[in-house]
Amino acid sequence: LFAVLVALYEEPEKPNSALDFLKHHLGASAPENPEIEALRSEVAEMKEKYEAVLEENKKLKTKVKVY
């Protein structure tokens, strides 16, 4: 706790909420930002597309080996 308070004191740009700063640095979860949720859904969508491309790549490599 002392180290976090020192970090808050030494912070060049003081946060709007000291309590949120403490929670963030102590590992407590902060309220979810709508942008974060949008990014998480985008990451999940990209992972699905990535897996589909990998599967397609495997199929195409198999076809090339056959020829």
N, C-alpha and C. Protein backbone atom coordinates (compact mmCIF):
# COMPACT_ATOMS: atom_id res chain seq x y z
N LEU A 1 0.84 -1.19 0.00
CA LEU A 1 0.00 0.00 0.00
C LEU A 1 0.88 1.25 0.00
N PHE A 2 1.94 1.22 0.79
CA PHE A 2 2.83 2.37 0.87
C PHE A 2 3.45 2.66 -0.50
N ALA A 3 3.88 1.62 -1.20
CA ALA A 3 4.49 1.81 -2.51
C ALA A 3 3.50 2.43 -3.50
N VAL A 4 2.25 2.03 -3.43
CA VAL A 4 1.24 2.58 -4.33
C VAL A 4 0.99 4.04 -4.00
N LEU A 5 0.96 4.38 -2.73
CA LEU A 5 0.77 5.77 -2.35
C LEU A 5 1.95 6.63 -2.80
N VAL A 6 3.14 6.10 -2.71
CA VAL A 6 4.32 6.82 -3.19
C VAL A 6 4.22 7.01 -4.71
N ALA A 7 3.79 5.97 -5.41
CA ALA A 7 3.63 6.07 -6.87
C ALA A 7 2.60 7.14 -7.22
N LEU A 8 1.53 7.22 -6.46
CA LEU A 8 0.51 8.25 -6.68
C LEU A 8 1.11 9.63 -6.45
N TYR A 9 1.89 9.78 -5.41
CA TYR A 9 2.52 11.06 -5.10
C TYR A 9 3.49 11.47 -6.20
N GLU A 10 4.23 10.50 -6.75
CA GLU A 10 5.24 10.79 -7.76
C GLU A 10 4.67 10.88 -9.17
N GLU A 11 3.41 10.55 -9.36
CA GLU A 11 2.77 10.60 -10.67
C GLU A 11 2.78 12.04 -11.20
N PRO A 12 3.38 12.27 -12.39
CA PRO A 12 3.44 13.64 -12.91
C PRO A 12 2.06 14.21 -13.25
N GLU A 13 1.19 13.39 -13.83
CA GLU A 13 -0.17 13.81 -14.13
C GLU A 13 -1.10 13.12 -13.13
N LYS A 14 -1.60 13.87 -12.21
CA LYS A 14 -2.44 13.29 -11.16
C LYS A 14 -3.74 12.77 -11.75
N PRO A 15 -4.16 11.57 -11.36
CA PRO A 15 -5.42 11.02 -11.86
C PRO A 15 -6.61 11.78 -11.27
N ASN A 16 -7.75 11.65 -11.95
CA ASN A 16 -8.97 12.31 -11.46
C ASN A 16 -9.43 11.72 -10.14
N SER A 17 -9.24 10.43 -10.00
CA SER A 17 -9.69 9.76 -8.79
C SER A 17 -8.53 8.98 -8.16
N ALA A 18 -8.13 9.40 -6.99
CA ALA A 18 -7.05 8.70 -6.30
C ALA A 18 -7.49 7.28 -5.93
N LEU A 19 -8.76 7.12 -5.61
CA LEU A 19 -9.27 5.80 -5.25
C LEU A 19 -9.17 4.84 -6.42
N ASP A 20 -9.53 5.30 -7.63
CA ASP A 20 -9.40 4.44 -8.81
C ASP A 20 -7.95 4.10 -9.09
N PHE A 21 -7.05 5.06 -8.87
CA PHE A 21 -5.61 4.81 -9.03
C PHE A 21 -5.17 3.70 -8.08
N LEU A 22 -5.59 3.78 -6.83
CA LEU A 22 -5.22 2.77 -5.84
C LEU A 22 -5.79 1.41 -6.22
N LYS A 23 -7.05 1.38 -6.62
CA LYS A 23 -7.68 0.11 -7.00
C LYS A 23 -6.93 -0.52 -8.18
N HIS A 24 -6.60 0.31 -9.16
CA HIS A 24 -5.91 -0.20 -10.35
C HIS A 24 -4.55 -0.80 -9.98
N HIS A 25 -3.80 -0.11 -9.15
CA HIS A 25 -2.46 -0.58 -8.81
C HIS A 25 -2.46 -1.70 -7.77
N LEU A 26 -3.55 -1.86 -7.07
CA LEU A 26 -3.64 -2.96 -6.11
C LEU A 26 -4.30 -4.19 -6.72
N GLY A 27 -4.74 -4.08 -7.97
CA GLY A 27 -5.28 -5.24 -8.65
C GLY A 27 -6.78 -5.39 -8.56
N ALA A 28 -7.47 -4.45 -7.97
CA ALA A 28 -8.93 -4.53 -7.93
C ALA A 28 -9.47 -4.22 -9.31
N SER A 29 -10.56 -4.86 -9.65
CA SER A 29 -11.11 -4.63 -10.98
C SER A 29 -11.82 -3.29 -11.05
N ALA A 30 -11.60 -2.62 -12.16
CA ALA A 30 -12.24 -1.33 -12.40
C ALA A 30 -13.51 -1.55 -13.21
N PRO A 31 -14.40 -0.58 -13.21
CA PRO A 31 -15.60 -0.73 -14.02
C PRO A 31 -15.23 -0.88 -15.50
N GLU A 32 -15.98 -1.70 -16.20
CA GLU A 32 -15.69 -1.98 -17.59
C GLU A 32 -16.01 -0.77 -18.47
N ASN A 33 -15.10 -0.48 -19.34
CA ASN A 33 -15.26 0.60 -20.31
C ASN A 33 -15.90 -0.01 -21.56
N PRO A 34 -16.87 0.67 -22.18
CA PRO A 34 -17.49 0.12 -23.39
C PRO A 34 -16.49 -0.14 -24.51
N GLU A 35 -15.44 0.66 -24.58
CA GLU A 35 -14.42 0.44 -25.61
C GLU A 35 -13.69 -0.88 -25.36
N ILE A 36 -13.45 -1.19 -24.11
CA ILE A 36 -12.75 -2.43 -23.77
C ILE A 36 -13.59 -3.63 -24.19
N GLU A 37 -14.89 -3.57 -23.93
CA GLU A 37 -15.78 -4.66 -24.32
C GLU A 37 -15.80 -4.81 -25.84
N ALA A 38 -15.83 -3.70 -26.57
CA ALA A 38 -15.82 -3.75 -28.03
C ALA A 38 -14.53 -4.37 -28.53
N LEU A 39 -13.41 -4.01 -27.91
CA LEU A 39 -12.13 -4.58 -28.32
C LEU A 39 -12.05 -6.06 -28.01
N ARG A 40 -12.62 -6.47 -26.89
CA ARG A 40 -12.62 -7.90 -26.55
C ARG A 40 -13.42 -8.70 -27.57
N SER A 41 -14.57 -8.17 -27.98
CA SER A 41 -15.37 -8.88 -28.97
C SER A 41 -14.65 -8.91 -30.31
N GLU A 42 -13.94 -7.83 -30.65
CA GLU A 42 -13.18 -7.80 -31.89
C GLU A 42 -12.05 -8.83 -31.85
N VAL A 43 -11.39 -8.95 -30.73
CA VAL A 43 -10.31 -9.94 -30.58
C VAL A 43 -10.88 -11.35 -30.73
N ALA A 44 -12.03 -11.61 -30.13
CA ALA A 44 -12.64 -12.94 -30.24
C ALA A 44 -12.99 -13.24 -31.69
N GLU A 45 -13.52 -12.24 -32.38
CA GLU A 45 -13.87 -12.42 -33.79
C GLU A 45 -12.62 -12.69 -34.64
N MET A 46 -11.56 -11.96 -34.37
CA MET A 46 -10.31 -12.15 -35.11
C MET A 46 -9.71 -13.53 -34.83
N LYS A 47 -9.84 -14.02 -33.61
CA LYS A 47 -9.34 -15.36 -33.29
C LYS A 47 -10.09 -16.42 -34.09
N GLU A 48 -11.41 -16.24 -34.21
CA GLU A 48 -12.21 -17.19 -34.99
C GLU A 48 -11.78 -17.18 -36.46
N LYS A 49 -11.58 -15.98 -37.00
CA LYS A 49 -11.14 -15.87 -38.40
C LYS A 49 -9.76 -16.50 -38.57
N TYR A 50 -8.89 -16.29 -37.62
CA TYR A 50 -7.54 -16.86 -37.66
C TYR A 50 -7.61 -18.39 -37.69
N GLU A 51 -8.44 -18.96 -36.82
CA GLU A 51 -8.58 -20.42 -36.78
C GLU A 51 -9.13 -20.94 -38.11
N ALA A 52 -10.07 -20.22 -38.71
CA ALA A 52 -10.64 -20.64 -39.99
C ALA A 52 -9.57 -20.60 -41.09
N VAL A 53 -8.74 -19.57 -41.07
CA VAL A 53 -7.67 -19.45 -42.07
C VAL A 53 -6.64 -20.56 -41.87
N LEU A 54 -6.32 -20.88 -40.64
CA LEU A 54 -5.38 -21.99 -40.39
C LEU A 54 -5.93 -23.31 -40.92
N GLU A 55 -7.20 -23.53 -40.68
CA GLU A 55 -7.83 -24.77 -41.16
C GLU A 55 -7.81 -24.82 -42.69
N GLU A 56 -8.13 -23.70 -43.32
CA GLU A 56 -8.11 -23.64 -44.78
C GLU A 56 -6.69 -23.87 -45.30
N ASN A 57 -5.71 -23.32 -44.61
CA ASN A 57 -4.31 -23.50 -44.99
C ASN A 57 -3.93 -24.98 -44.93
N LYS A 58 -4.35 -25.67 -43.89
CA LYS A 58 -4.05 -27.10 -43.77
C LYS A 58 -4.64 -27.88 -44.95
N LYS A 59 -5.90 -27.56 -45.27
CA LYS A 59 -6.58 -28.26 -46.38
C LYS A 59 -5.85 -28.01 -47.70
N LEU A 60 -5.45 -26.77 -47.93
CA LEU A 60 -4.76 -26.45 -49.17
C LEU A 60 -3.39 -27.12 -49.25
N LYS A 61 -2.68 -27.20 -48.13
CA LYS A 61 -1.39 -27.88 -48.11
C LYS A 61 -1.57 -29.36 -48.42
N THR A 62 -2.63 -29.96 -47.92
CA THR A 62 -2.92 -31.36 -48.19
C THR A 62 -3.19 -31.56 -49.67
N LYS A 63 -3.95 -30.65 -50.29
CA LYS A 63 -4.23 -30.76 -51.71
C LYS A 63 -2.95 -30.64 -52.53
N VAL A 64 -2.06 -29.73 -52.14
CA VAL A 64 -0.81 -29.55 -52.87
C VAL A 64 0.04 -30.80 -52.78
N LYS A 65 0.06 -31.46 -51.65
CA LYS A 65 0.85 -32.69 -51.48
C LYS A 65 0.31 -33.80 -52.38
N VAL A 66 -1.01 -33.82 -52.58
CA VAL A 66 -1.62 -34.85 -53.41
C VAL A 66 -1.16 -34.69 -54.85
N TYR A 67 -1.04 -33.46 -55.31
CA TYR A 67 -0.62 -33.24 -56.70
C TYR A 67 0.86 -33.35 -56.78
